[in-house]
C-alpha atoms as a PDB file:
ATOM      1  CA  MET A   1     150.893 120.270  22.769  1.00  0.00           C
ATOM      2  CA  PRO A   2     147.709 121.579  21.120  1.00  0.00           C
ATOM      3  CA  ILE A   3     145.627 119.312  18.895  1.00  0.00           C
ATOM      4  CA  ARG A   4     146.460 120.231  15.290  1.00  0.00           C
ATOM      5  CA  VAL A   5     143.263 120.541  13.236  1.00  0.00           C
ATOM      6  CA  LEU A   6     142.572 120.893   9.511  1.00  0.00           C
ATOM      7  CA  VAL A   7     139.086 122.140   8.551  1.00  0.00           C
ATOM      8  CA  VAL A   8     137.676 121.351   5.095  1.00  0.00           C
ATOM      9  CA  ASP A   9     134.182 122.480   4.019  1.00  0.00           C
ATOM     10  CA  ASP A  10     132.973 124.106   0.820  1.00  0.00           C
ATOM     11  CA  HIS A  11     130.794 126.606   2.702  1.00  0.00           C
ATOM     12  CA  GLN A  12     133.189 129.359   3.678  1.00  0.00           C
ATOM     13  CA  LEU A  13     130.916 130.925   6.298  1.00  0.00           C
ATOM     14  CA  PHE A  14     130.467 127.618   8.116  1.00  0.00           C
ATOM     15  CA  ARG A  15     134.162 126.769   7.792  1.00  0.00           C
ATOM     16  CA  ARG A  16     135.207 130.099   9.238  1.00  0.00           C
ATOM     17  CA  GLY A  17     132.710 129.616  12.066  1.00  0.00           C
ATOM     18  CA  VAL A  18     134.284 126.278  13.037  1.00  0.00           C
ATOM     19  CA  ILE A  19     137.753 127.790  12.835  1.00  0.00           C
ATOM     20  CA  GLY A  20     136.616 130.702  15.014  1.00  0.00           C
ATOM     21  CA  ILE A  21     135.370 128.284  17.694  1.00  0.00           C
ATOM     22  CA  LEU A  22     138.658 126.392  17.665  1.00  0.00           C
ATOM     23  CA  GLN A  23     140.717 129.560  17.897  1.00  0.00           C
ATOM     24  CA  LEU A  24     139.003 130.494  21.159  1.00  0.00           C
ATOM     25  CA  SER A  25     140.913 127.721  22.928  1.00  0.00           C
ATOM     26  CA  GLU A  26     144.655 127.181  23.247  1.00  0.00           C
ATOM     27  CA  GLU A  27     143.884 123.462  23.274  1.00  0.00           C
ATOM     28  CA  PHE A  28     143.546 123.523  19.474  1.00  0.00           C
ATOM     29  CA  GLU A  29     145.722 124.789  16.641  1.00  0.00           C
ATOM     30  CA  VAL A  30     144.192 125.286  13.198  1.00  0.00           C
ATOM     31  CA  VAL A  31     146.918 124.266  10.746  1.00  0.00           C
ATOM     32  CA  GLY A  32     144.951 124.807   7.559  1.00  0.00           C
ATOM     33  CA  GLU A  33     141.626 124.979   5.771  1.00  0.00           C
ATOM     34  CA  GLY A  34     140.224 123.843   2.449  1.00  0.00           C
ATOM     35  CA  SER A  35     137.046 123.797   0.374  1.00  0.00           C
ATOM     36  CA  ASN A  36     137.028 120.333  -1.249  1.00  0.00           C
ATOM     37  CA  GLY A  37     138.262 116.777  -0.878  1.00  0.00           C
ATOM     38  CA  GLU A  38     141.190 117.244  -3.237  1.00  0.00           C
ATOM     39  CA  GLU A  39     142.532 120.034  -1.046  1.00  0.00           C
ATOM     40  CA  ALA A  40     141.935 117.841   2.027  1.00  0.00           C
ATOM     41  CA  VAL A  41     144.083 115.027   0.609  1.00  0.00           C
ATOM     42  CA  ASP A  42     146.841 117.423  -0.419  1.00  0.00           C
ATOM     43  CA  MET A  43     146.931 119.220   2.941  1.00  0.00           C
ATOM     44  CA  VAL A  44     146.818 116.036   5.018  1.00  0.00           C
ATOM     45  CA  GLU A  45     149.920 114.901   3.150  1.00  0.00           C
ATOM     46  CA  ARG A  46     151.665 118.251   3.582  1.00  0.00           C
ATOM     47  CA  VAL A  47     150.747 119.434   7.106  1.00  0.00           C
ATOM     48  CA  LYS A  48     149.852 116.075   8.741  1.00  0.00           C
ATOM     49  CA  PRO A  49     147.171 117.334  11.157  1.00  0.00           C
ATOM     50  CA  ASP A  50     146.083 115.290  14.174  1.00  0.00           C
ATOM     51  CA  VAL A  51     142.429 115.666  13.165  1.00  0.00           C
ATOM     52  CA  LEU A  52     140.783 116.450   9.838  1.00  0.00           C
ATOM     53  CA  ILE A  53     137.270 117.919  10.163  1.00  0.00           C
ATOM     54  CA  MET A  54     135.560 117.432   6.822  1.00  0.00           C
ATOM     55  CA  ASP A  55     132.169 117.621   5.124  1.00  0.00           C
ATOM     56  CA  LEU A  56     130.942 114.799   2.887  1.00  0.00           C
ATOM     57  CA  SER A  57     129.268 116.736   0.094  1.00  0.00           C
ATOM     58  CA  MET A  58     131.838 118.979  -1.626  1.00  0.00           C
ATOM     59  CA  PRO A  59     132.801 119.924  -5.207  1.00  0.00           C
ATOM     60  CA  VAL A  60     135.847 118.610  -7.136  1.00  0.00           C
ATOM     61  CA  MET A  61     136.179 115.623  -4.781  1.00  0.00           C
ATOM     62  CA  ASN A  62     133.695 114.600  -2.094  1.00  0.00           C
ATOM     63  CA  GLY A  63     134.562 113.566   1.444  1.00  0.00           C
ATOM     64  CA  MET A  64     134.119 109.831   0.823  1.00  0.00           C
ATOM     65  CA  GLU A  65     136.670 109.754  -1.995  1.00  0.00           C
ATOM     66  CA  ALA A  66     139.047 111.934   0.004  1.00  0.00           C
ATOM     67  CA  MET A  67     138.913 109.432   2.883  1.00  0.00           C
ATOM     68  CA  ARG A  68     139.585 106.532   0.526  1.00  0.00           C
ATOM     69  CA  GLN A  69     142.747 108.254  -0.673  1.00  0.00           C
ATOM     70  CA  ILE A  70     143.834 109.283   2.819  1.00  0.00           C
ATOM     71  CA  GLN A  71     143.544 105.665   3.992  1.00  0.00           C
ATOM     72  CA  HIS A  72     146.336 104.719   1.584  1.00  0.00           C
ATOM     73  CA  MET A  73     148.655 107.419   2.930  1.00  0.00           C
ATOM     74  CA  GLU A  74     151.237 106.988   5.680  1.00  0.00           C
ATOM     75  CA  THR A  75     149.517 109.299   8.139  1.00  0.00           C
ATOM     76  CA  SER A  76     148.140 109.173  11.658  1.00  0.00           C
ATOM     77  CA  THR A  77     145.529 111.843  10.858  1.00  0.00           C
ATOM     78  CA  ARG A  78     142.084 110.943  12.181  1.00  0.00           C
ATOM     79  CA  VAL A  79     138.970 112.022  10.287  1.00  0.00           C
ATOM     80  CA  LEU A  80     135.924 113.611  11.923  1.00  0.00           C
ATOM     81  CA  ILE A  81     133.022 114.041   9.503  1.00  0.00           C
ATOM     82  CA  LEU A  82     130.857 117.104  10.130  1.00  0.00           C
ATOM     83  CA  THR A  83     127.851 117.036   7.801  1.00  0.00           C
ATOM     84  CA  VAL A  84     124.128 117.671   7.366  1.00  0.00           C
ATOM     85  CA  ASN A  85     123.613 114.094   6.156  1.00  0.00           C
ATOM     86  CA  GLU A  86     121.801 112.081   8.833  1.00  0.00           C
ATOM     87  CA  GLU A  87     121.211 109.020   6.667  1.00  0.00           C
ATOM     88  CA  GLU A  88     122.442 105.764   8.187  1.00  0.00           C
ATOM     89  CA  GLU A  89     123.883 104.663   4.851  1.00  0.00           C
ATOM     90  CA  ALA A  90     126.160 107.703   4.721  1.00  0.00           C
ATOM     91  CA  LEU A  91     127.320 107.030   8.281  1.00  0.00           C
ATOM     92  CA  PHE A  92     128.079 103.373   7.521  1.00  0.00           C
ATOM     93  CA  GLU A  93     129.954 104.307   4.350  1.00  0.00           C
ATOM     94  CA  ALA A  94     131.972 106.986   6.142  1.00  0.00           C
ATOM     95  CA  VAL A  95     133.081 104.564   8.861  1.00  0.00           C
ATOM     96  CA  LYS A  96     133.982 101.920   6.276  1.00  0.00           C
ATOM     97  CA  ASN A  97     136.138 104.503   4.509  1.00  0.00           C
ATOM     98  CA  GLY A  98     138.077 105.410   7.632  1.00  0.00           C
ATOM     99  CA  ALA A  99     136.087 108.045   9.545  1.00  0.00           C
ATOM    100  CA  GLN A 100     136.854 107.962  13.260  1.00  0.00           C
ATOM    101  CA  GLY A 101     133.907 110.221  14.059  1.00  0.00           C
ATOM    102  CA  TYR A 102     130.660 111.467  12.533  1.00  0.00           C
ATOM    103  CA  LEU A 103     128.700 114.521  13.679  1.00  0.00           C
ATOM    104  CA  ILE A 104     125.722 116.449  12.354  1.00  0.00           C
ATOM    105  CA  LYS A 105     126.239 120.179  11.760  1.00  0.00           C
ATOM    106  CA  THR A 106     123.551 121.105  14.285  1.00  0.00           C
ATOM    107  CA  VAL A 107     125.903 119.956  17.052  1.00  0.00           C
ATOM    108  CA  GLU A 108     126.654 122.386  19.894  1.00  0.00           C
ATOM    109  CA  PRO A 109     130.143 123.976  19.949  1.00  0.00           C
ATOM    110  CA  ASN A 110     131.092 122.233  23.208  1.00  0.00           C
ATOM    111  CA  GLU A 111     130.065 118.876  21.711  1.00  0.00           C
ATOM    112  CA  LEU A 112     132.235 119.550  18.668  1.00  0.00           C
ATOM    113  CA  LEU A 113     135.250 120.346  20.837  1.00  0.00           C
ATOM    114  CA  ALA A 114     134.687 117.217  22.927  1.00  0.00           C
ATOM    115  CA  ALA A 115     134.418 115.143  19.746  1.00  0.00           C
ATOM    116  CA  ILE A 116     137.734 116.511  18.449  1.00  0.00           C
ATOM    117  CA  ARG A 117     139.418 115.616  21.733  1.00  0.00           C
ATOM    118  CA  ASN A 118     137.996 112.101  21.642  1.00  0.00           C
ATOM    119  CA  VAL A 119     138.904 111.494  18.007  1.00  0.00           C
ATOM    120  CA  ALA A 120     142.431 112.804  18.622  1.00  0.00           C
ATOM    121  CA  ALA A 121     142.694 110.311  21.502  1.00  0.00           C
ATOM    122  CA  GLY A 122     141.709 107.453  19.212  1.00  0.00           C
ATOM    123  CA  GLU A 123     138.116 107.093  20.350  1.00  0.00           C
ATOM    124  CA  ALA A 124     135.104 106.672  18.071  1.00  0.00           C
ATOM    125  CA  VAL A 125     132.535 109.487  17.948  1.00  0.00           C
ATOM    126  CA  ILE A 126     129.076 108.556  16.674  1.00  0.00           C
ATOM    127  CA  PRO A 127     125.693 110.354  17.104  1.00  0.00           C
ATOM    128  CA  SER A 128     123.864 108.764  20.044  1.00  0.00           C
ATOM    129  CA  ASN A 129     120.736 108.108  17.982  1.00  0.00           C
ATOM    130  CA  LEU A 130     122.783 106.089  15.474  1.00  0.00           C
ATOM    131  CA  ALA A 131     125.384 104.529  17.781  1.00  0.00           C
ATOM    132  CA  VAL A 132     123.580 101.227  18.382  1.00  0.00           C
ATOM    133  CA  LYS A 133     122.808 100.784  14.693  1.00  0.00           C
ATOM    134  CA  ILE A 134     126.308 101.548  13.469  1.00  0.00           C
ATOM    135  CA  LEU A 135     128.015  99.313  16.026  1.00  0.00           C
ATOM    136  CA  SER A 136     125.603  96.495  15.214  1.00  0.00           C
ATOM    137  CA  GLU A 137     126.244  96.933  11.505  1.00  0.00           C
ATOM    138  CA  ILE A 138     130.038  96.990  11.617  1.00  0.00           C
ATOM    139  CA  ALA A 139     130.168  94.185  14.168  1.00  0.00           C
ATOM    140  CA  LYS A 140     128.095  91.741  12.116  1.00  0.00           C
ATOM    141  CA  PRO A 141     129.834  88.390  11.701  1.00  0.00           C
ATOM    142  CA  LYS A 142     131.754  87.928   8.478  1.00  0.00           C
ATOM    143  CA  PRO A 143     131.015  84.905   6.239  1.00  0.00           C
ATOM    144  CA  VAL A 144     133.888  83.040   7.902  1.00  0.00           C
ATOM    145  CA  THR A 145     134.240  81.515  11.352  1.00  0.00           C
ATOM    146  CA  VAL A 146     135.602  83.477  14.297  1.00  0.00           C
ATOM    147  CA  GLU A 147     138.307  80.837  14.706  1.00  0.00           C
ATOM    148  CA  ALA A 148     139.437  81.360  11.130  1.00  0.00           C
ATOM    149  CA  LEU A 149     139.839  85.075  11.801  1.00  0.00           C
ATOM    150  CA  ILE A 150     141.390  84.974  15.261  1.00  0.00           C
ATOM    151  CA  GLU A 151     143.868  82.108  14.647  1.00  0.00           C
ATOM    152  CA  PRO A 152     146.309  84.110  12.495  1.00  0.00           C
ATOM    153  CA  LEU A 153     146.696  86.844  15.134  1.00  0.00           C
ATOM    154  CA  THR A 154     149.802  86.652  17.282  1.00  0.00           C
ATOM    155  CA  GLN A 155     149.591  87.014  21.055  1.00  0.00           C
ATOM    156  CA  ARG A 156     150.862  90.576  20.819  1.00  0.00           C
ATOM    157  CA  GLU A 157     148.319  91.420  18.114  1.00  0.00           C
ATOM    158  CA  LEU A 158     145.558  90.087  20.358  1.00  0.00           C
ATOM    159  CA  GLU A 159     146.831  92.330  23.163  1.00  0.00           C
ATOM    160  CA  VAL A 160     146.776  95.338  20.815  1.00  0.00           C
ATOM    161  CA  LEU A 161     143.281  94.391  19.592  1.00  0.00           C
ATOM    162  CA  LYS A 162     142.029  94.323  23.177  1.00  0.00           C
ATOM    163  CA  GLU A 163     143.473  97.800  23.717  1.00  0.00           C
ATOM    164  CA  LEU A 164     141.716  98.998  20.558  1.00  0.00           C
ATOM    165  CA  GLY A 165     138.463  97.640  21.958  1.00  0.00           C
ATOM    166  CA  LYS A 166     138.948  99.807  25.030  1.00  0.00           C
ATOM    167  CA  GLY A 167     139.199 102.889  22.812  1.00  0.00           C
ATOM    168  CA  PHE A 168     142.864 103.670  23.445  1.00  0.00           C
ATOM    169  CA  SER A 169     145.043 105.632  21.024  1.00  0.00           C
ATOM    170  CA  ASN A 170     148.307 104.298  19.581  1.00  0.00           C
ATOM    171  CA  ARG A 171     150.269 106.348  22.096  1.00  0.00           C
ATOM    172  CA  GLU A 172     148.292 104.968  25.011  1.00  0.00           C
ATOM    173  CA  ILE A 173     148.592 101.395  23.719  1.00  0.00           C
ATOM    174  CA  ALA A 174     152.344 101.820  23.352  1.00  0.00           C
ATOM    175  CA  LYS A 175     152.570 103.025  26.952  1.00  0.00           C
ATOM    176  CA  HIS A 176     150.408 100.195  28.308  1.00  0.00           C
ATOM    177  CA  LEU A 177     152.268  97.444  26.420  1.00  0.00           C
ATOM    178  CA  PHE A 178     155.742  98.995  26.740  1.00  0.00           C
ATOM    179  CA  ILE A 179     156.354  99.134  22.994  1.00  0.00           C
ATOM    180  CA  SER A 180     156.914 101.982  20.525  1.00  0.00           C
ATOM    181  CA  GLU A 181     154.104 103.823  18.712  1.00  0.00           C
ATOM    182  CA  ASN A 182     155.585 102.684  15.405  1.00  0.00           C
ATOM    183  CA  THR A 183     155.329  99.068  16.565  1.00  0.00           C
ATOM    184  CA  VAL A 184     151.712  99.660  17.574  1.00  0.00           C
ATOM    185  CA  ARG A 185     150.931 101.102  14.129  1.00  0.00           C
ATOM    186  CA  ASN A 186     152.448  98.021  12.494  1.00  0.00           C
ATOM    187  CA  HIS A 187     150.400  95.706  14.716  1.00  0.00           C
ATOM    188  CA  VAL A 188     147.188  97.631  13.994  1.00  0.00           C
ATOM    189  CA  ARG A 189     147.858  97.417  10.255  1.00  0.00           C
ATOM    190  CA  ASN A 190     148.433  93.657  10.534  1.00  0.00           C
ATOM    191  CA  ILE A 191     145.276  93.201  12.614  1.00  0.00           C
ATOM    192  CA  LEU A 192     143.122  95.045  10.080  1.00  0.00           C
ATOM    193  CA  ASP A 193     144.615  93.022   7.232  1.00  0.00           C
ATOM    194  CA  LYS A 194     144.088  89.690   8.971  1.00  0.00           C
ATOM    195  CA  LEU A 195     140.536  90.483  10.055  1.00  0.00           C
ATOM    196  CA  HIS A 196     139.646  91.917   6.634  1.00  0.00           C
ATOM    197  CA  MET A 197     138.657  95.267   8.145  1.00  0.00           C
ATOM    198  CA  THR A 198     139.343  98.798   6.977  1.00  0.00           C
ATOM    199  CA  ASN A 199     139.682 100.848  10.186  1.00  0.00           C
ATOM    200  CA  ARG A 200     140.235 100.682  13.933  1.00  0.00           C
ATOM    201  CA  VAL A 201     136.586 101.474  14.734  1.00  0.00           C
ATOM    202  CA  GLN A 202     135.570  98.188  13.128  1.00  0.00           C
ATOM    203  CA  ALA A 203     138.343  96.374  14.980  1.00  0.00           C
ATOM    204  CA  ALA A 204     137.231  97.870  18.300  1.00  0.00           C
ATOM    205  CA  ALA A 205     133.634  96.796  17.723  1.00  0.00           C
ATOM    206  CA  TYR A 206     134.869  93.326  16.765  1.00  0.00           C
ATOM    207  CA  ALA A 207     136.906  93.042  19.980  1.00  0.00           C
ATOM    208  CA  VAL A 208     133.837  93.898  22.056  1.00  0.00           C
ATOM    209  CA  ARG A 209     131.512  91.575  20.121  1.00  0.00           C
ATOM    210  CA  GLU A 210     133.876  88.608  20.390  1.00  0.00           C
ATOM    211  CA  GLY A 211     134.240  89.054  24.147  1.00  0.00           C
ATOM    212  CA  LEU A 212     137.957  89.844  24.001  1.00  0.00           C
ATOM    213  CA  ILE A 213     137.261  92.507  26.616  1.00  0.00           C
ATOM    214  CA  LYS A 214     134.559  92.898  29.222  1.00  0.00           C
ATOM    215  CA  GLY A 215     131.971  95.658  28.910  1.00  0.00           C
ATOM    216  CA  ASP A 216     133.250  97.473  31.988  1.00  0.00           C
ATOM    217  CA  GLU A 217     136.754  97.601  30.517  1.00  0.00           C
ATOM    218  CA  THR A 218     135.795  99.930  27.678  1.00  0.00           C
ATOM    219  CA  SER A 219     136.717 103.593  28.060  1.00  0.00           C
END
């Protein structure tokens, strides 16, 4: 099954260039394109792509607001931001609003394709020069004790959290724990609620920081 991709960028020439790269491989299927965040939200709801590639700065509705709305939808679509904005603040904000990956538009085509594969598989994609900073930022301790956060998690939720920390997708977690993908999604939602987090990237960083998995266990 090809990875189903939706491409949203207000610059038509750039958007068509990305689509052209994807169409060179049978590994990807472009299921739609758009020019602003409002169209992104509408198309995610309608076509349910595996991966949404989206810019941050767009007319009508920007990428940040689009991600906020997508987070409240019942969808497994993962968001890969492709932008010219290299500011750390924009990266932090994008991750907090649900971005699974963040790339700068100067990226090489093969790096873009690899990033799409990784995001589709549930892995986080962050520019190497910002990776340490972003993981440090999202893994900072909350103003409550670790015990207060961990205690409410059930044994199964802890098992799912460990799998998240290893970078596995819902499908892979379901296979490893012998449960359904729908059950995994429910556990992930409960974990994020209990840990007061907004996305699985934060949960994965938390699992690593708290020593729930060993460094050599990460994918």
